[in-house]
Amino acid sequence: MSNKWHKLGLLYSPSGTNRHSKLLSHAANPLPVLIDDDVYRIFFSGRDANNRSSVGAVDIDIVKRKVIQEHSQPFFENGPEGSFYADGVSIGNCYEVDGKRFMLFMGWQTPQDVHWRGDVGRLIMKPDLSLELESEVPFMGSDSVDPISLSYPWVVKNARGGYDMWYGSTTTWDAGNDEMLHVINYATSVDGHSWNREGLAIPYELGIAQAFSRPTVARDAQGGYEMWFSYRSGTGETYRIGYAVSKDGSAWGLALKEAGIDISAEGWDSEMIEYPFVFDHKGQRYMLYNGNGNGKTGFGLAILSRT
C-alpha cells in the first residue's frame, strides 16, 4: 500500500500591512487544535523584522478551507536576551498529561560569533487556548545524548500508558559535505514530564537524508507507526518531506520514496516543502505543511489516499 497526498492548495499566507511587529512574515510549523466541528485554531511560528519567531494563530474551517479569524496578536513571543528562546520559538505538537495540555517548542539562540543552537521548551495551553511558558529553564536541554542542539519535539501517549517522544538532535554542524548531521532521536516517559533519552530513532544516509526536522507521527491501520518529516540530502537541495515506518515506534525504516508528496511544478511550494503536521479529522487524514522560504509563503493542506 502506498501513500498519495492530494494537495488542496495554499490554506493561509500572512498578508496585509498592519501586522503585529512579532508576526510580520512567515507562518511556519503549523499546529492545529480543534475548536468546533471543522474549525481548527492553527498555531504557527511567525517572524519579526529581525527574523525572530513568535507564536501566532489563525482559525480555519479545513473542510471549506476558509479563514474564520486571523488573530492579530501573538499568543507567545520570543524571550528576552539571554533566555533559551531569545531568538525564536518553533512549535512542535501538543499532548495532555492528567487533563493539562502542553505545547512543545524549539527555543532558538543565535549568540554573536557563535553557531545558532536550540533547546526544547514547554508551554502550558490553558482552556481558552492561551499559552504560558512553564519554565525559563529548558524542558529538555543539551546533555551527553544530545550535546549540541535540540529541535522540534513530537509527543504521543502510548498503549502502555506512558509517552513517546521523537525530536531533532545535532550530531555535527558539518558532516563533511557542508551540511549538518541533524538526526531524529527517541525518548520515553512514564509520566510525560521526566524523559529517558534512548538515542537514534531514524536511520540517516549522508548525501541522501541527513538534516532532519519536525517529525510528525501517526498510527497506521495495523497498529504500527508512520512518520513524516522534512529533510535535506546534504548535496544542495532544499527541504523535502520524507517518510519512515515502524512497528513499535522505536526502530524505524526509511522509506523516502513513499512519502507521497513532493514540490509542485510552480507556485508557493515549488521550491521546497517542509514542516509537516499530520492529523486525522472525521475519518480523513490531513497534512498541513510549509512551502517556499521555510514558511514565508504560508502553509497548505493535503489529504491522504492509499493505493
Protein backbone atom coordinates (compact mmCIF):
# COMPACT_ATOMS: atom_id res chain seq x y z
CA MET A 1 0.00 0.00 0.00
CA SER A 2 1.44 3.38 -0.98
CA ASN A 3 0.71 6.93 0.09
CA LYS A 4 -0.61 9.65 -2.16
CA TRP A 5 -1.22 13.11 -0.77
CA HIS A 6 -3.62 15.21 -2.84
CA LYS A 7 -2.78 18.87 -2.39
CA LEU A 8 -5.79 21.07 -1.61
CA GLY A 9 -3.86 24.32 -2.08
CA LEU A 10 -2.46 27.16 -0.03
CA LEU A 11 -4.55 27.47 3.13
CA TYR A 12 -3.09 30.60 4.73
CA SER A 13 -0.43 33.15 3.90
CA PRO A 14 0.42 36.21 6.03
CA SER A 15 -0.68 39.38 4.28
CA GLY A 16 -1.59 42.99 4.97
CA THR A 17 0.40 45.99 6.12
CA ASN A 18 -0.95 46.42 9.67
CA ARG A 19 0.52 43.25 11.09
CA HIS A 20 1.84 42.92 14.64
CA SER A 21 5.58 43.55 14.78
CA LYS A 22 6.16 39.98 16.01
CA LEU A 23 4.20 38.45 13.12
CA LEU A 24 5.38 40.41 10.09
CA SER A 25 6.16 37.39 7.93
CA HIS A 26 6.08 33.59 7.77
CA ALA A 27 3.55 31.05 9.04
CA ALA A 28 5.85 28.11 9.73
CA ASN A 29 5.34 24.90 11.73
CA PRO A 30 1.51 24.83 11.56
CA LEU A 31 -0.08 23.11 14.57
CA PRO A 32 -3.88 22.52 14.54
CA VAL A 33 -6.06 22.43 17.66
CA LEU A 34 -9.72 21.56 17.15
CA ILE A 35 -12.15 24.26 18.27
CA ASP A 36 -15.51 23.04 17.00
CA ASP A 37 -16.86 20.87 14.17
CA ASP A 38 -14.48 21.51 11.22
CA VAL A 39 -12.81 24.62 12.64
CA TYR A 40 -9.25 24.44 13.92
CA ARG A 41 -7.09 27.05 15.55
CA ILE A 42 -3.87 26.63 13.63
CA PHE A 43 -0.92 27.96 15.57
CA PHE A 44 2.22 28.85 13.64
CA SER A 45 5.62 30.48 14.03
CA GLY A 46 5.69 33.97 12.54
CA ARG A 47 8.73 36.27 12.40
CA ASP A 48 9.62 39.84 13.27
CA ALA A 49 11.92 42.20 11.35
CA ASN A 50 14.95 40.55 12.98
CA ASN A 51 13.89 37.03 11.92
CA ARG A 52 12.95 36.01 15.46
CA SER A 53 9.89 33.77 15.60
CA SER A 54 6.86 34.02 17.89
CA VAL A 55 3.59 32.07 18.00
CA GLY A 56 0.61 33.39 16.05
CA ALA A 57 -2.66 31.70 15.08
CA VAL A 58 -5.48 31.65 12.58
CA ASP A 59 -8.87 29.89 12.84
CA ILE A 60 -9.72 27.90 9.72
CA ASP A 61 -12.55 25.65 8.58
CA ILE A 62 -10.45 22.93 6.97
CA VAL A 63 -13.35 21.33 5.07
CA LYS A 64 -14.46 24.59 3.47
CA ARG A 65 -10.80 25.73 3.50
CA LYS A 66 -11.94 29.12 4.73
CA VAL A 67 -10.25 31.51 7.16
CA ILE A 68 -12.68 32.25 10.00
CA GLN A 69 -10.47 34.57 12.06
CA GLU A 70 -6.91 35.82 11.78
CA HIS A 71 -5.60 36.64 15.26
CA SER A 72 -3.71 39.92 15.20
CA GLN A 73 -1.84 39.44 18.49
CA PRO A 74 0.84 36.81 19.12
CA PHE A 75 -0.05 34.04 21.56
CA PHE A 76 3.53 33.76 22.78
CA GLU A 77 6.58 35.87 21.98
CA ASN A 78 10.27 35.08 21.76
CA GLY A 79 12.11 35.71 25.01
CA PRO A 80 14.46 38.35 26.38
CA GLU A 81 18.17 38.39 25.60
CA GLY A 82 19.95 35.54 27.31
CA SER A 83 16.89 33.28 27.51
CA PHE A 84 16.87 29.89 25.78
CA TYR A 85 14.18 31.13 23.39
CA ALA A 86 15.59 34.64 22.86
CA ASP A 87 15.83 34.30 19.09
CA GLY A 88 12.77 32.27 18.25
CA VAL A 89 10.01 29.82 19.09
CA SER A 90 9.36 26.98 16.62
CA ILE A 91 6.43 24.83 17.69
CA GLY A 92 6.16 21.02 17.61
CA ASN A 93 2.92 19.47 18.85
CA CYS A 94 0.55 19.30 21.83
CA TYR A 95 -0.08 16.50 24.29
CA GLU A 96 -2.03 16.04 27.52
CA VAL A 97 -0.96 14.86 30.97
CA ASP A 98 -3.60 14.44 33.69
CA GLY A 99 -6.01 16.77 31.92
CA LYS A 100 -3.45 19.52 31.33
CA ARG A 101 -2.44 20.33 27.77
CA PHE A 102 1.10 21.27 26.82
CA MET A 103 2.64 22.65 23.63
CA LEU A 104 6.28 21.81 22.96
CA PHE A 105 8.64 24.07 21.06
CA MET A 106 12.22 24.58 19.95
CA GLY A 107 13.78 27.66 21.52
CA TRP A 108 16.42 29.33 19.33
CA GLN A 109 19.62 31.03 20.44
CA THR A 110 21.85 32.88 17.96
CA PRO A 111 24.63 34.43 20.07
CA GLN A 112 27.11 36.70 18.31
CA ASP A 113 30.07 34.91 16.71
CA VAL A 114 28.73 31.52 17.83
CA HIS A 115 26.71 28.96 15.87
CA TRP A 116 22.95 29.02 16.47
CA ARG A 117 21.51 26.27 18.65
CA GLY A 118 18.26 25.15 20.21
CA ASP A 119 16.67 23.64 23.31
CA VAL A 120 13.20 22.19 23.89
CA GLY A 121 10.71 24.24 25.90
CA ARG A 122 7.15 23.60 27.07
CA LEU A 123 4.15 25.91 27.07
CA ILE A 124 1.00 25.42 29.14
CA MET A 125 -2.12 25.63 26.97
CA LYS A 126 -5.00 26.93 29.05
CA PRO A 127 -8.67 26.05 28.41
CA ASP A 128 -9.13 29.27 26.40
CA LEU A 129 -6.15 28.17 24.25
CA SER A 130 -3.90 30.95 25.55
CA LEU A 131 -0.26 29.98 26.11
CA GLU A 132 2.04 30.41 29.08
CA LEU A 133 5.68 29.42 29.45
CA GLU A 134 6.05 26.66 32.02
CA SER A 135 9.64 27.46 32.98
CA GLU A 136 12.52 29.73 31.99
CA VAL A 137 14.68 26.60 32.17
CA PRO A 138 14.54 24.35 29.08
CA PHE A 139 12.22 21.37 29.34
CA MET A 140 14.95 19.37 27.59
CA GLY A 141 18.41 20.83 27.15
CA SER A 142 21.77 19.56 25.97
CA ASP A 143 23.29 16.53 27.70
CA SER A 144 25.57 13.59 26.89
CA VAL A 145 23.00 12.10 24.48
CA ASP A 146 22.25 15.44 22.78
CA PRO A 147 25.41 17.50 23.29
CA ILE A 148 24.98 20.21 20.64
CA SER A 149 21.42 21.30 19.79
CA LEU A 150 17.83 20.04 20.02
CA SER A 151 14.76 20.76 17.90
CA TYR A 152 11.11 20.10 17.05
CA PRO A 153 9.70 17.62 19.60
CA TRP A 154 6.66 15.42 18.94
CA VAL A 155 4.99 13.53 21.80
CA VAL A 156 2.20 10.93 21.83
CA LYS A 157 0.70 8.79 24.57
CA ASN A 158 1.42 5.11 24.00
CA ALA A 159 -0.60 1.94 24.63
CA ARG A 160 1.41 1.23 27.79
CA GLY A 161 0.07 4.37 29.45
CA GLY A 162 3.36 6.24 29.08
CA TYR A 163 4.61 8.67 26.46
CA ASP A 164 6.89 8.55 23.42
CA MET A 165 8.86 11.48 22.03
CA TRP A 166 10.71 11.99 18.76
CA TYR A 167 12.87 15.07 18.44
CA GLY A 168 15.78 16.52 16.49
CA SER A 169 19.38 16.38 17.72
CA THR A 170 22.52 17.78 16.08
CA THR A 171 25.48 15.41 15.88
CA THR A 172 27.76 17.82 14.00
CA TRP A 173 27.35 21.12 12.19
CA ASP A 174 29.31 19.76 9.20
CA ALA A 175 29.21 16.07 8.27
CA GLY A 176 31.97 16.61 5.70
CA ASN A 177 29.75 17.93 2.91
CA ASP A 178 28.95 21.40 4.26
CA GLU A 179 25.64 20.15 5.69
CA MET A 180 24.84 19.40 9.32
CA LEU A 181 24.01 15.94 10.59
CA HIS A 182 20.79 16.57 12.48
CA VAL A 183 19.02 13.32 13.34
CA ILE A 184 15.72 12.31 14.91
CA ASN A 185 16.14 10.74 18.35
CA TYR A 186 13.70 8.88 20.58
CA ALA A 187 12.76 9.30 24.25
CA THR A 188 10.28 7.64 26.59
CA SER A 189 8.47 8.78 29.71
CA VAL A 190 6.23 7.17 32.31
CA ASP A 191 4.60 10.42 33.45
CA GLY A 192 5.01 12.82 30.49
CA HIS A 193 7.33 15.06 32.48
CA SER A 194 10.63 13.19 33.01
CA TRP A 195 12.21 11.64 29.93
CA ASN A 196 14.66 8.83 29.26
CA ARG A 197 16.61 9.58 26.09
CA GLU A 198 17.02 6.40 24.04
CA GLY A 199 19.19 7.74 21.21
CA LEU A 200 18.82 7.46 17.43
CA ALA A 201 15.37 6.61 16.07
CA ILE A 202 15.53 7.24 12.31
CA PRO A 203 18.48 5.92 10.27
CA TYR A 204 20.25 8.61 8.27
CA GLU A 205 22.19 8.41 5.00
CA LEU A 206 24.86 11.01 4.30
CA GLY A 207 24.24 12.65 0.94
CA ILE A 208 20.66 11.33 0.87
CA ALA A 209 18.94 12.23 4.14
CA GLN A 210 21.00 13.81 6.90
CA ALA A 211 19.37 17.08 8.02
CA PHE A 212 16.02 16.07 9.52
CA SER A 213 13.45 18.31 11.18
CA ARG A 214 9.92 18.40 12.56
CA PRO A 215 8.78 14.79 12.82
CA THR A 216 5.03 14.16 12.81
CA VAL A 217 3.88 10.71 13.91
CA ALA A 218 0.61 8.86 13.31
CA ARG A 219 -0.63 5.29 13.81
CA ASP A 220 -1.33 3.04 10.85
CA ALA A 221 -4.22 0.60 10.37
CA GLN A 222 -2.11 -2.35 11.60
CA GLY A 223 -1.20 -0.64 14.88
CA GLY A 224 2.24 0.42 13.75
CA TYR A 225 3.67 3.90 13.37
CA GLU A 226 4.19 6.23 10.44
CA MET A 227 6.35 9.33 10.45
CA TRP A 228 6.61 12.21 8.03
CA PHE A 229 9.39 14.76 8.44
CA SER A 230 11.33 17.33 6.48
CA TYR A 231 14.90 16.58 5.44
CA ARG A 232 17.79 17.77 3.30
CA SER A 233 20.13 15.48 1.39
CA GLY A 234 23.36 17.36 2.03
CA THR A 235 24.02 17.79 -1.68
CA GLY A 236 22.50 21.25 -2.01
CA GLU A 237 18.78 20.53 -2.31
CA THR A 238 16.23 22.43 -0.28
CA TYR A 239 13.88 20.68 2.16
CA ARG A 240 11.65 17.82 1.05
CA ILE A 241 9.14 15.78 3.07
CA GLY A 242 10.24 12.24 3.86
CA TYR A 243 8.64 9.16 5.39
CA ALA A 244 9.54 6.33 7.76
CA VAL A 245 7.71 3.34 9.24
CA SER A 246 7.97 1.40 12.48
CA LYS A 247 6.21 -1.48 14.20
CA ASP A 248 6.89 -0.26 17.73
CA GLY A 249 7.84 3.44 17.48
CA SER A 250 11.46 2.90 18.47
CA ALA A 251 13.07 1.11 15.50
CA TRP A 252 12.33 2.78 12.17
CA GLY A 253 12.99 2.17 8.50
CA LEU A 254 13.44 4.96 5.98
CA ALA A 255 11.01 4.93 3.05
CA LEU A 256 11.68 8.29 1.42
CA LYS A 257 10.07 7.39 -1.91
CA GLU A 258 6.81 6.51 -0.15
CA ALA A 259 6.23 9.97 1.37
CA GLY A 260 3.55 10.59 -1.24
CA ILE A 261 4.17 14.33 -1.59
CA ASP A 262 6.73 16.48 -3.39
CA ILE A 263 7.26 20.03 -4.61
CA SER A 264 4.82 21.45 -7.16
CA ALA A 265 5.74 22.44 -10.70
CA GLU A 266 5.04 26.07 -9.88
CA GLY A 267 3.65 28.29 -7.16
CA TRP A 268 4.04 28.71 -3.42
CA ASP A 269 5.52 25.21 -2.79
CA SER A 270 7.55 24.74 -5.98
CA GLU A 271 10.99 25.24 -4.42
CA MET A 272 10.71 23.35 -1.14
CA ILE A 273 8.21 21.58 1.14
CA GLU A 274 8.78 21.10 4.86
CA TYR A 275 7.49 21.10 8.46
CA PRO A 276 4.58 18.65 8.04
CA PHE A 277 1.84 18.13 10.63
CA VAL A 278 -0.33 15.04 10.04
CA PHE A 279 -3.69 14.67 11.80
CA ASP A 280 -6.99 12.84 11.44
CA HIS A 281 -10.36 14.56 11.12
CA LYS A 282 -13.70 12.81 10.59
CA GLY A 283 -12.19 9.71 9.03
CA GLN A 284 -9.76 11.55 6.78
CA ARG A 285 -6.03 12.01 7.22
CA TYR A 286 -4.74 15.52 6.53
CA MET A 287 -1.34 17.14 6.33
CA LEU A 288 -0.52 20.78 6.98
CA TYR A 289 2.84 21.75 5.55
CA ASN A 290 5.01 24.71 4.53
CA GLY A 291 6.47 25.62 1.17
CA ASN A 292 8.95 28.09 -0.24
CA GLY A 293 11.12 30.16 2.08
CA ASN A 294 10.76 27.97 5.20
CA GLY A 295 7.16 29.08 5.67
CA LYS A 296 7.41 32.57 4.20
CA THR A 297 4.67 31.72 1.68
CA GLY A 298 2.40 30.30 4.39
CA PHE A 299 1.03 26.78 4.81
CA GLY A 300 -1.07 24.47 2.71
CA LEU A 301 -3.29 21.44 3.19
CA ALA A 302 -3.22 17.96 1.66
CA ILE A 303 -5.43 14.90 2.10
CA LEU A 304 -4.22 11.30 2.06
CA SER A 305 -5.40 8.45 -0.14
CA ARG A 306 -3.99 4.92 -0.06
CA THR A 307 -3.48 2.84 -3.19
